[in-house]
Amino acid sequence: MKGNPYGSHRVISPVGLLPQAAEKVDNRPEIFDNEILIEVEALQPTATAFGRIKKECGGDLKKIEAEILKIVEERGKFQDPVTKSGGILIGKIKKIGTDLQGKTDAEVGDRIATLVSLSLTPLKIYEITGIDTETEQVRCKADAILFETGIYTKIPEDLGAQLSLALMDVAGAPAQVAVNAKVGDVVVVEGAGKAGLLCLAEAKKRVSPTGLVVCMDYSAEICELVRDLGLADIVIQANGQKPLEAYDAYMEATGGRLADFTVSTVSVQDTELSTIMVTKDTGMIYFFSMSTDFVKASLGAEGIKKYVPMLIGNGYYPGHAEIAFDIVRREKGLCKYFEERYCK
């Protein structure tokens, strides 16, 4: 039997929605003719989702495990009920539906990372075997379903599964830098976590030799890391939740040069205005983080008489996986940092 290419046949409630917007999906591991069954090795929840769960559970691993299992049991997928975000997974292809056989570039047994959100991916967890609160990765025994329109990438042998899992969760961010940053531009990256570091590295490549790359982050430790890796021309330690203070610090550090392109990758709330204020009216903002409140962003910009186009953080762009892989192959220092952090 063939299912809907977008997965609507898996929606239990509310009927008529697509899987991401649905409250509950059918996660039975018996596949339709146009689906792929994946034997899951690990989940990489978004920083926004995992951070909320970790905070609510007080960092207790047993409580975090119980909360993740509860979410999947209730929804048939991993979708944080508060932030609505998901993440990605890695695993091996277990079975390919008859309609897709010979039409994909993967075969049974291939290790892949999914490039669609866990918030729409039918998932059945049998056991959680480990949780790393530092890397935010969840090792588990599980099955997952990839729809006909679902995208994935094979795990590169030279990078390995754990590093690839970490990269693919945020691959959409540096891809937008590659598309939108030009030689001579001022590019600002607010938040230098995993996504932010990749964006900074890609920005350095795209704006050189006459452009300027600026990093803004709350953490002194992260700011020092960015300096050590040489990923930004200017590094500013500032609290994005205090927009006036952040703006003043930015203007002083840059001599008043507002950004042509700004990327927000922060995983906390209420930083929209600091991002908007450092961007020129003729520039553009890419709000990658799922913690972004788009009402605050749009009405906040209106309130300070700021005209600047804003992109929603779509995690997909054609070729975004290869862009992310290329960054860590090119930036040896960044690659080493990621390996030490994620490949334990």
Protein backbone atom coordinates (compact mmCIF):
# COMPACT_ATOMS: atom_id res chain seq x y z
CA MET A 1 0.00 0.00 0.00
CA LYS A 2 1.25 3.47 -0.90
CA GLY A 3 1.04 6.34 1.56
CA ASN A 4 0.82 10.07 0.98
CA PRO A 5 4.25 11.42 -0.12
CA TYR A 6 4.17 14.01 2.69
CA GLY A 7 3.19 11.51 5.37
CA SER A 8 -0.38 12.64 6.04
CA HIS A 9 -1.51 9.00 6.11
CA ARG A 10 0.38 8.68 9.41
CA VAL A 11 -1.48 11.51 11.11
CA ILE A 12 -3.80 10.33 13.89
CA SER A 13 -4.93 13.71 15.19
CA PRO A 14 -5.98 16.24 14.17
CA VAL A 15 -6.87 14.52 10.88
CA GLY A 16 -6.14 16.63 7.80
CA LEU A 17 -2.85 18.10 9.03
CA LEU A 18 0.65 17.20 7.93
CA PRO A 19 2.85 15.28 10.41
CA GLN A 20 4.80 18.26 11.78
CA ALA A 21 1.67 20.15 12.83
CA ALA A 22 -0.12 17.03 14.08
CA GLU A 23 -0.38 16.27 17.78
CA LYS A 24 -0.05 12.52 17.28
CA VAL A 25 1.20 10.30 14.46
CA ASP A 26 1.18 6.57 13.82
CA ASN A 27 4.64 5.29 14.72
CA ARG A 28 4.14 1.61 13.94
CA PRO A 29 7.30 0.27 12.24
CA GLU A 30 5.42 -1.49 9.45
CA ILE A 31 6.23 0.61 6.39
CA PHE A 32 4.10 1.65 3.43
CA ASP A 33 5.44 1.04 -0.08
CA ASN A 34 6.88 4.58 -0.32
CA GLU A 35 8.53 4.77 3.12
CA ILE A 36 11.94 3.88 4.52
CA LEU A 37 12.40 2.13 7.88
CA ILE A 38 15.42 3.23 9.91
CA GLU A 39 17.06 1.40 12.81
CA VAL A 40 17.90 4.38 15.00
CA GLU A 41 21.25 4.70 16.78
CA ALA A 42 20.96 8.18 18.27
CA LEU A 43 18.82 11.30 18.39
CA GLN A 44 20.11 14.86 18.29
CA PRO A 45 17.31 17.04 19.70
CA THR A 46 17.47 20.75 18.94
CA ALA A 47 19.30 22.85 21.51
CA THR A 48 16.01 24.63 22.19
CA ALA A 49 14.09 21.42 22.91
CA PHE A 50 16.81 19.63 24.86
CA GLY A 51 17.66 22.77 26.82
CA ARG A 52 14.07 23.20 27.95
CA ILE A 53 13.75 19.56 28.99
CA LYS A 54 17.09 19.61 30.79
CA LYS A 55 16.16 22.76 32.69
CA GLU A 56 12.72 21.48 33.66
CA CYS A 57 14.22 18.17 34.83
CA GLY A 58 16.98 19.90 36.80
CA GLY A 59 19.63 18.08 34.78
CA ASP A 60 18.56 14.71 36.24
CA LEU A 61 19.25 12.02 33.62
CA LYS A 62 16.46 9.72 34.77
CA LYS A 63 13.93 12.53 34.56
CA ILE A 64 15.21 13.62 31.15
CA GLU A 65 14.92 10.03 29.91
CA ALA A 66 11.40 9.74 31.29
CA GLU A 67 10.34 13.02 29.67
CA ILE A 68 11.69 12.02 26.25
CA LEU A 69 9.97 8.63 26.45
CA LYS A 70 6.73 10.30 27.54
CA ILE A 71 6.80 12.73 24.62
CA VAL A 72 7.38 9.96 22.07
CA GLU A 73 4.77 7.72 23.65
CA GLU A 74 2.13 10.47 23.58
CA ARG A 75 2.95 11.91 20.15
CA GLY A 76 4.45 9.04 18.17
CA LYS A 77 7.37 11.37 17.40
CA PHE A 78 9.86 13.52 19.31
CA GLN A 79 8.40 17.00 19.34
CA ASP A 80 8.89 19.13 22.42
CA PRO A 81 5.35 20.15 23.43
CA VAL A 82 6.50 23.62 24.51
CA THR A 83 8.99 24.74 21.84
CA LYS A 84 7.46 22.50 19.11
CA SER A 85 10.95 21.71 17.80
CA GLY A 86 12.46 18.28 17.23
CA GLY A 87 15.95 17.55 15.95
CA ILE A 88 17.40 14.81 13.74
CA LEU A 89 18.59 11.22 14.02
CA ILE A 90 21.22 8.83 12.72
CA GLY A 91 20.77 5.15 12.03
CA LYS A 92 20.94 2.35 9.51
CA ILE A 93 18.43 1.74 6.74
CA LYS A 94 16.50 -1.34 7.77
CA LYS A 95 14.02 -1.61 4.92
CA ILE A 96 13.09 0.30 1.76
CA GLY A 97 9.53 0.28 0.48
CA THR A 98 8.93 -1.39 -2.88
CA ASP A 99 8.00 1.89 -4.61
CA LEU A 100 11.31 3.48 -3.60
CA GLN A 101 13.63 0.59 -4.40
CA GLY A 102 16.05 1.64 -7.11
CA LYS A 103 14.93 5.26 -6.82
CA THR A 104 17.18 6.31 -3.93
CA ASP A 105 20.95 6.58 -3.67
CA ALA A 106 20.96 4.50 -0.48
CA GLU A 107 20.64 0.80 0.21
CA VAL A 108 19.66 -1.36 3.15
CA GLY A 109 22.49 -1.24 5.68
CA ASP A 110 23.67 2.29 4.82
CA ARG A 111 24.19 4.64 7.76
CA ILE A 112 22.37 7.91 7.28
CA ALA A 113 21.45 11.11 9.08
CA THR A 114 17.94 12.36 8.48
CA LEU A 115 17.64 15.98 7.35
CA VAL A 116 13.99 16.39 8.30
CA SER A 117 12.84 17.26 11.78
CA LEU A 118 12.07 14.70 14.45
CA SER A 119 8.94 16.79 15.01
CA LEU A 120 7.44 15.11 11.94
CA THR A 121 9.25 11.76 11.97
CA PRO A 122 7.30 8.72 13.27
CA LEU A 123 9.50 7.29 16.02
CA LYS A 124 9.17 4.27 18.29
CA ILE A 125 11.72 4.05 21.12
CA TYR A 126 12.32 0.66 22.72
CA GLU A 127 15.12 1.73 25.06
CA ILE A 128 17.25 4.77 25.80
CA THR A 129 20.80 3.54 26.36
CA GLY A 130 22.54 6.83 27.14
CA ILE A 131 22.10 10.58 27.37
CA ASP A 132 24.95 13.09 27.10
CA THR A 133 23.83 16.44 28.49
CA GLU A 134 26.94 18.17 27.11
CA THR A 135 26.51 17.09 23.47
CA GLU A 136 22.71 16.81 23.86
CA GLN A 137 22.76 13.45 22.09
CA VAL A 138 20.44 10.59 23.05
CA ARG A 139 21.60 7.04 22.33
CA CYS A 140 18.72 4.64 21.88
CA LYS A 141 17.26 1.51 20.37
CA ALA A 142 14.40 2.63 18.17
CA ASP A 143 12.72 2.53 14.77
CA ALA A 144 11.84 5.56 12.67
CA ILE A 145 9.98 6.19 9.43
CA LEU A 146 11.19 8.40 6.58
CA PHE A 147 8.52 9.52 4.12
CA GLU A 148 8.92 9.60 0.36
CA THR A 149 9.67 13.33 0.51
CA GLY A 150 12.02 12.95 3.48
CA ILE A 151 15.63 13.92 2.92
CA TYR A 152 18.78 12.37 4.36
CA THR A 153 22.52 12.18 3.84
CA LYS A 154 24.89 9.27 4.05
CA ILE A 155 27.36 9.43 6.95
CA PRO A 156 30.79 10.44 5.54
CA GLU A 157 33.42 7.88 6.46
CA ASP A 158 36.04 10.54 7.17
CA LEU A 159 33.84 12.35 9.72
CA GLY A 160 32.01 9.53 11.45
CA ALA A 161 28.55 9.18 12.94
CA GLN A 162 28.75 11.30 16.10
CA LEU A 163 30.27 14.33 14.41
CA SER A 164 27.92 14.03 11.44
CA LEU A 165 24.94 13.86 13.81
CA ALA A 166 26.06 17.02 15.55
CA LEU A 167 26.59 18.87 12.27
CA MET A 168 23.40 17.87 10.50
CA ASP A 169 21.17 19.25 13.24
CA VAL A 170 22.32 22.77 12.33
CA ALA A 171 23.43 22.43 8.70
CA GLY A 172 20.76 24.82 7.47
CA ALA A 173 22.39 27.78 9.23
CA PRO A 174 25.80 27.96 7.49
CA ALA A 175 24.09 27.21 4.17
CA GLN A 176 22.17 30.49 4.45
CA VAL A 177 25.43 32.31 5.14
CA ALA A 178 26.91 30.74 2.02
CA VAL A 179 23.95 31.99 -0.01
CA ASN A 180 23.49 35.47 1.44
CA ALA A 181 26.93 36.73 2.54
CA LYS A 182 29.00 38.51 -0.12
CA VAL A 183 32.55 39.81 -0.43
CA GLY A 184 32.88 43.04 1.54
CA ASP A 185 29.80 42.48 3.73
CA VAL A 186 29.60 42.96 7.47
CA VAL A 187 28.23 39.69 8.85
CA VAL A 188 27.15 39.38 12.48
CA VAL A 189 26.54 36.04 14.18
CA GLU A 190 24.70 36.26 17.47
CA GLY A 191 25.27 33.13 19.53
CA ALA A 192 28.38 31.02 19.00
CA GLY A 193 27.16 27.57 19.81
CA LYS A 194 27.45 24.75 17.30
CA ALA A 195 25.43 26.53 14.60
CA GLY A 196 27.05 29.88 15.29
CA LEU A 197 30.59 28.53 14.97
CA LEU A 198 29.78 27.00 11.59
CA CYS A 199 28.20 30.28 10.46
CA LEU A 200 31.24 32.28 11.53
CA ALA A 201 33.58 29.96 9.62
CA GLU A 202 31.46 30.17 6.47
CA ALA A 203 31.15 33.95 6.81
CA LYS A 204 34.95 34.33 6.95
CA LYS A 205 35.16 32.45 3.67
CA ARG A 206 32.40 34.44 1.95
CA VAL A 207 33.23 38.05 2.92
CA SER A 208 37.02 37.95 2.63
CA PRO A 209 39.20 39.82 2.00
CA THR A 210 37.41 43.14 2.51
CA GLY A 211 34.46 42.18 4.69
CA LEU A 212 34.03 42.00 8.46
CA VAL A 213 32.83 39.09 10.60
CA VAL A 214 31.50 39.92 14.06
CA CYS A 215 30.64 37.43 16.81
CA MET A 216 28.34 38.37 19.70
CA ASP A 217 27.92 35.94 22.59
CA TYR A 218 26.99 36.11 26.25
CA SER A 219 29.71 33.69 27.41
CA ALA A 220 33.28 34.88 28.05
CA GLU A 221 34.47 31.29 27.53
CA ILE A 222 32.81 31.04 24.12
CA CYS A 223 34.15 34.43 23.09
CA GLU A 224 37.65 33.27 23.94
CA LEU A 225 37.11 30.08 21.93
CA VAL A 226 36.09 32.10 18.86
CA ARG A 227 39.21 34.26 19.20
CA ASP A 228 41.43 31.19 19.56
CA LEU A 229 39.90 29.58 16.46
CA GLY A 230 40.23 32.81 14.48
CA LEU A 231 36.63 32.68 13.29
CA ALA A 232 35.77 36.37 13.70
CA ASP A 233 37.41 39.73 13.14
CA ILE A 234 35.63 41.24 16.15
CA VAL A 235 34.32 39.34 19.18
CA ILE A 236 31.86 41.07 21.50
CA GLN A 237 30.76 39.69 24.83
CA ALA A 238 27.21 40.97 25.26
CA ASN A 239 23.84 39.87 26.59
CA GLY A 240 21.38 39.78 23.69
CA GLN A 241 18.48 39.87 26.14
CA LYS A 242 19.50 43.45 26.95
CA PRO A 243 19.23 45.01 23.47
CA LEU A 244 20.32 48.54 24.32
CA GLU A 245 23.47 47.35 26.12
CA ALA A 246 24.26 44.91 23.31
CA TYR A 247 23.71 47.59 20.68
CA ASP A 248 25.98 50.08 22.45
CA ALA A 249 28.72 47.46 22.82
CA TYR A 250 28.38 46.56 19.15
CA MET A 251 28.52 50.16 17.92
CA GLU A 252 31.61 50.87 20.01
CA ALA A 253 33.42 47.75 18.84
CA THR A 254 32.64 48.21 15.13
CA GLY A 255 32.83 51.96 14.87
CA GLY A 256 29.15 52.10 13.97
CA ARG A 257 29.22 49.69 10.99
CA LEU A 258 25.84 47.98 10.97
CA ALA A 259 25.48 44.49 9.54
CA ASP A 260 24.57 43.58 5.98
CA PHE A 261 23.62 40.09 7.10
CA THR A 262 22.92 38.94 10.66
CA VAL A 263 22.36 35.39 11.87
CA SER A 264 20.74 34.62 15.22
CA THR A 265 21.51 31.14 16.54
CA VAL A 266 20.82 31.77 20.23
CA SER A 267 18.76 29.20 22.13
CA VAL A 268 17.23 31.59 24.67
CA GLN A 269 14.27 33.93 24.40
CA ASP A 270 14.07 37.73 24.07
CA THR A 271 17.11 38.43 21.87
CA GLU A 272 15.17 39.48 18.78
CA LEU A 273 15.63 43.23 19.26
CA SER A 274 19.39 43.06 19.77
CA THR A 275 19.64 41.21 16.45
CA ILE A 276 17.46 43.74 14.67
CA MET A 277 19.24 46.80 16.09
CA VAL A 278 22.69 45.82 14.80
CA THR A 279 21.40 45.24 11.25
CA LYS A 280 21.07 47.98 8.63
CA ASP A 281 17.73 48.66 6.93
CA THR A 282 19.08 47.44 3.61
CA GLY A 283 20.44 44.27 5.19
CA MET A 284 18.87 40.95 6.09
CA ILE A 285 18.39 38.83 9.22
CA TYR A 286 18.28 35.06 9.41
CA PHE A 287 16.55 33.87 12.59
CA PHE A 288 17.75 30.28 12.73
CA SER A 289 16.90 29.49 16.35
CA MET A 290 13.57 27.91 17.26
CA SER A 291 13.52 30.09 20.38
CA THR A 292 12.75 33.09 18.17
CA ASP A 293 9.39 34.75 18.77
CA PHE A 294 8.41 36.05 15.36
CA VAL A 295 5.74 38.34 16.80
CA LYS A 296 8.39 40.04 18.92
CA ALA A 297 10.69 40.24 15.91
CA SER A 298 8.18 41.73 13.48
CA LEU A 299 6.43 44.09 15.87
CA GLY A 300 9.69 44.97 17.60
CA ALA A 301 11.21 46.05 14.30
CA GLU A 302 8.13 48.10 13.55
CA GLY A 303 8.32 49.70 16.97
CA ILE A 304 11.83 51.06 16.43
CA LYS A 305 11.14 52.13 12.83
CA LYS A 306 13.42 49.49 11.40
CA TYR A 307 12.90 48.07 7.94
CA VAL A 308 14.89 44.90 7.48
CA PRO A 309 13.86 41.67 5.70
CA MET A 310 13.83 38.64 8.03
CA LEU A 311 14.19 34.97 7.09
CA ILE A 312 12.57 32.19 9.10
CA GLY A 313 14.93 29.43 10.16
CA ASN A 314 14.17 26.78 7.57
CA GLY A 315 16.64 24.01 8.35
CA TYR A 316 16.78 22.85 4.74
CA TYR A 317 18.67 24.23 1.76
CA PRO A 318 19.80 22.20 -1.28
CA GLY A 319 23.33 20.97 -0.60
CA HIS A 320 23.41 22.17 3.01
CA ALA A 321 24.88 18.90 4.28
CA GLU A 322 27.92 19.20 2.03
CA ILE A 323 28.41 22.85 3.00
CA ALA A 324 28.58 21.85 6.67
CA PHE A 325 30.88 18.90 5.96
CA ASP A 326 33.16 21.17 3.90
CA ILE A 327 33.50 23.65 6.76
CA VAL A 328 34.88 21.11 9.23
CA ARG A 329 37.16 19.62 6.60
CA ARG A 330 38.49 23.09 5.81
CA GLU A 331 38.70 24.48 9.35
CA LYS A 332 41.05 22.11 11.16
CA GLY A 333 40.84 23.92 14.49
CA LEU A 334 37.07 23.90 14.47
CA CYS A 335 37.02 20.26 13.44
CA LYS A 336 39.28 19.36 16.36
CA TYR A 337 37.04 21.26 18.77
CA PHE A 338 33.92 19.48 17.50
CA GLU A 339 35.64 16.07 17.64
CA GLU A 340 36.74 16.63 21.24
CA ARG A 341 33.24 17.75 22.20
CA TYR A 342 31.04 15.33 20.27
CA CYS A 343 33.14 12.24 19.52
CA LYS A 344 33.61 10.76 22.97
